[in-house]
């Protein structure tokens, strides 16, 4: 259930980011949900490998290189989805990755954690 909620939150975040950036395009809500699913699978399979391969750079940049890894997963999603999900440049992907991370953190701390605390 928590995984499905995270997929829906990520979909909402992708829609918000697409609304604010001209270089970030989503075809619609269904494309956002599919993109969120693809990003979730890439984060599960590819991201740990990328983190391991780039560990020295990540340590030297105090973890800021993780935004680049997130941008790489966004660009991979772009190439998988075709015209339904497009990012114009790698710089736009890095900027979108920063905003997506910030919005996910904000939603997690303000909405999801207080709700889960009430359930316990």
Protein backbone atom coordinates (compact mmCIF):
# COMPACT_ATOMS: atom_id res chain seq x y z
CA UNK A 1 0.00 0.00 0.00
CA UNK A 2 2.83 2.39 0.84
CA UNK A 3 4.47 1.73 -2.55
CA UNK A 4 1.24 2.64 -4.37
CA UNK A 5 0.92 5.84 -2.34
CA UNK A 6 4.50 6.75 -3.24
CA UNK A 7 3.75 6.13 -6.95
CA UNK A 8 0.76 8.47 -6.76
CA UNK A 9 2.76 11.13 -4.90
CA UNK A 10 5.55 10.89 -7.47
CA UNK A 11 2.99 11.22 -10.26
CA UNK A 12 1.62 14.37 -8.67
CA UNK A 13 5.13 15.76 -8.24
CA UNK A 14 5.94 15.04 -11.89
CA UNK A 15 2.78 16.90 -12.97
CA UNK A 16 3.73 19.89 -10.81
CA UNK A 17 7.28 19.97 -12.20
CA UNK A 18 5.95 19.68 -15.76
CA UNK A 19 3.69 22.64 -15.06
CA UNK A 20 6.56 24.84 -13.93
CA UNK A 21 9.27 23.95 -16.45
CA UNK A 22 8.83 24.43 -20.19
CA UNK A 23 11.68 22.00 -20.87
CA UNK A 24 9.87 19.21 -18.98
CA UNK A 25 6.84 17.77 -20.80
CA UNK A 26 4.24 15.22 -19.71
CA UNK A 27 1.41 14.10 -21.98
CA UNK A 28 -1.13 13.72 -19.15
CA UNK A 29 -1.99 12.08 -15.86
CA UNK A 30 -1.68 8.57 -17.25
CA UNK A 31 1.78 9.41 -18.58
CA UNK A 32 2.72 10.72 -15.15
CA UNK A 33 1.64 7.47 -13.50
CA UNK A 34 3.51 5.36 -16.06
CA UNK A 35 6.61 7.58 -15.72
CA UNK A 36 6.40 7.23 -11.95
CA UNK A 37 6.25 3.45 -12.26
CA UNK A 38 9.25 3.41 -14.61
CA UNK A 39 11.23 5.72 -12.32
CA UNK A 40 10.38 3.45 -9.39
CA UNK A 41 11.66 0.37 -11.23
CA UNK A 42 14.81 2.21 -12.36
CA UNK A 43 15.41 3.38 -8.79
CA UNK A 44 15.09 -0.20 -7.64
CA UNK A 45 17.38 -1.77 -10.25
CA UNK A 46 19.67 0.81 -11.88
CA UNK A 47 20.16 3.44 -9.19
CA UNK A 48 22.03 1.19 -6.71
CA UNK A 49 24.44 0.19 -9.48
CA UNK A 50 25.03 3.83 -10.45
CA UNK A 51 25.56 4.80 -6.82
CA UNK A 52 28.10 2.03 -6.36
CA UNK A 53 29.98 2.95 -9.54
CA UNK A 54 30.08 6.66 -8.67
CA UNK A 55 30.68 6.30 -4.92
CA UNK A 56 34.01 8.20 -4.88
CA UNK A 57 32.50 11.17 -6.73
CA UNK A 58 29.42 11.09 -4.52
CA UNK A 59 31.58 11.16 -1.39
CA UNK A 60 33.74 14.00 -2.74
CA UNK A 61 30.66 16.10 -3.54
CA UNK A 62 29.06 15.32 -0.15
CA UNK A 63 26.17 13.52 -1.83
CA UNK A 64 25.30 16.23 -4.35
CA UNK A 65 26.18 13.86 -7.19
CA UNK A 66 23.03 11.93 -6.27
CA UNK A 67 21.07 14.68 -8.06
CA UNK A 68 23.01 13.79 -11.22
CA UNK A 69 22.13 10.12 -10.72
CA UNK A 70 18.47 11.09 -10.31
CA UNK A 71 18.74 13.14 -13.51
CA UNK A 72 20.17 10.10 -15.29
CA UNK A 73 17.16 8.03 -14.22
CA UNK A 74 14.86 10.81 -15.46
CA UNK A 75 16.64 10.82 -18.83
CA UNK A 76 16.36 7.01 -18.98
CA UNK A 77 12.62 7.34 -18.33
CA UNK A 78 12.48 9.94 -21.10
CA UNK A 79 14.08 7.53 -23.55
CA UNK A 80 11.79 4.65 -22.51
CA UNK A 81 8.53 6.62 -22.73
CA UNK A 82 9.14 8.41 -26.01
CA UNK A 83 6.98 11.45 -26.75
CA UNK A 84 4.70 11.09 -23.70
CA UNK A 85 7.50 12.20 -21.36
CA UNK A 86 10.21 14.52 -22.63
CA UNK A 87 13.05 16.47 -21.07
CA UNK A 88 14.87 18.89 -23.38
CA UNK A 89 18.35 18.74 -21.87
CA UNK A 90 20.44 17.13 -19.17
CA UNK A 91 20.59 20.46 -17.32
CA UNK A 92 16.80 20.55 -17.23
CA UNK A 93 16.85 16.98 -15.91
CA UNK A 94 19.22 17.96 -13.09
CA UNK A 95 17.07 20.96 -12.18
CA UNK A 96 13.93 18.79 -12.30
CA UNK A 97 15.65 16.15 -10.13
CA UNK A 98 16.41 18.80 -7.51
CA UNK A 99 12.81 20.03 -7.48
CA UNK A 100 11.38 16.50 -7.47
CA UNK A 101 13.58 15.57 -4.51
CA UNK A 102 12.60 18.73 -2.62
CA UNK A 103 8.88 18.25 -3.27
CA UNK A 104 9.01 14.57 -2.31
CA UNK A 105 10.79 15.46 0.93
CA UNK A 106 8.27 18.19 1.70
CA UNK A 107 5.29 15.92 1.04
CA UNK A 108 6.87 13.13 3.08
CA UNK A 109 7.54 15.33 6.12
CA UNK A 110 4.36 17.44 6.06
CA UNK A 111 1.70 14.97 4.94
CA UNK A 112 2.73 11.31 4.96
CA UNK A 113 4.64 11.10 8.26
CA UNK A 114 1.97 12.90 10.32
CA UNK A 115 -0.71 10.63 8.84
CA UNK A 116 1.29 7.50 9.55
CA UNK A 117 1.93 8.68 13.11
CA UNK A 118 -1.82 9.01 13.70
CA UNK A 119 -2.42 5.44 12.54
CA UNK A 120 -0.05 3.97 15.15
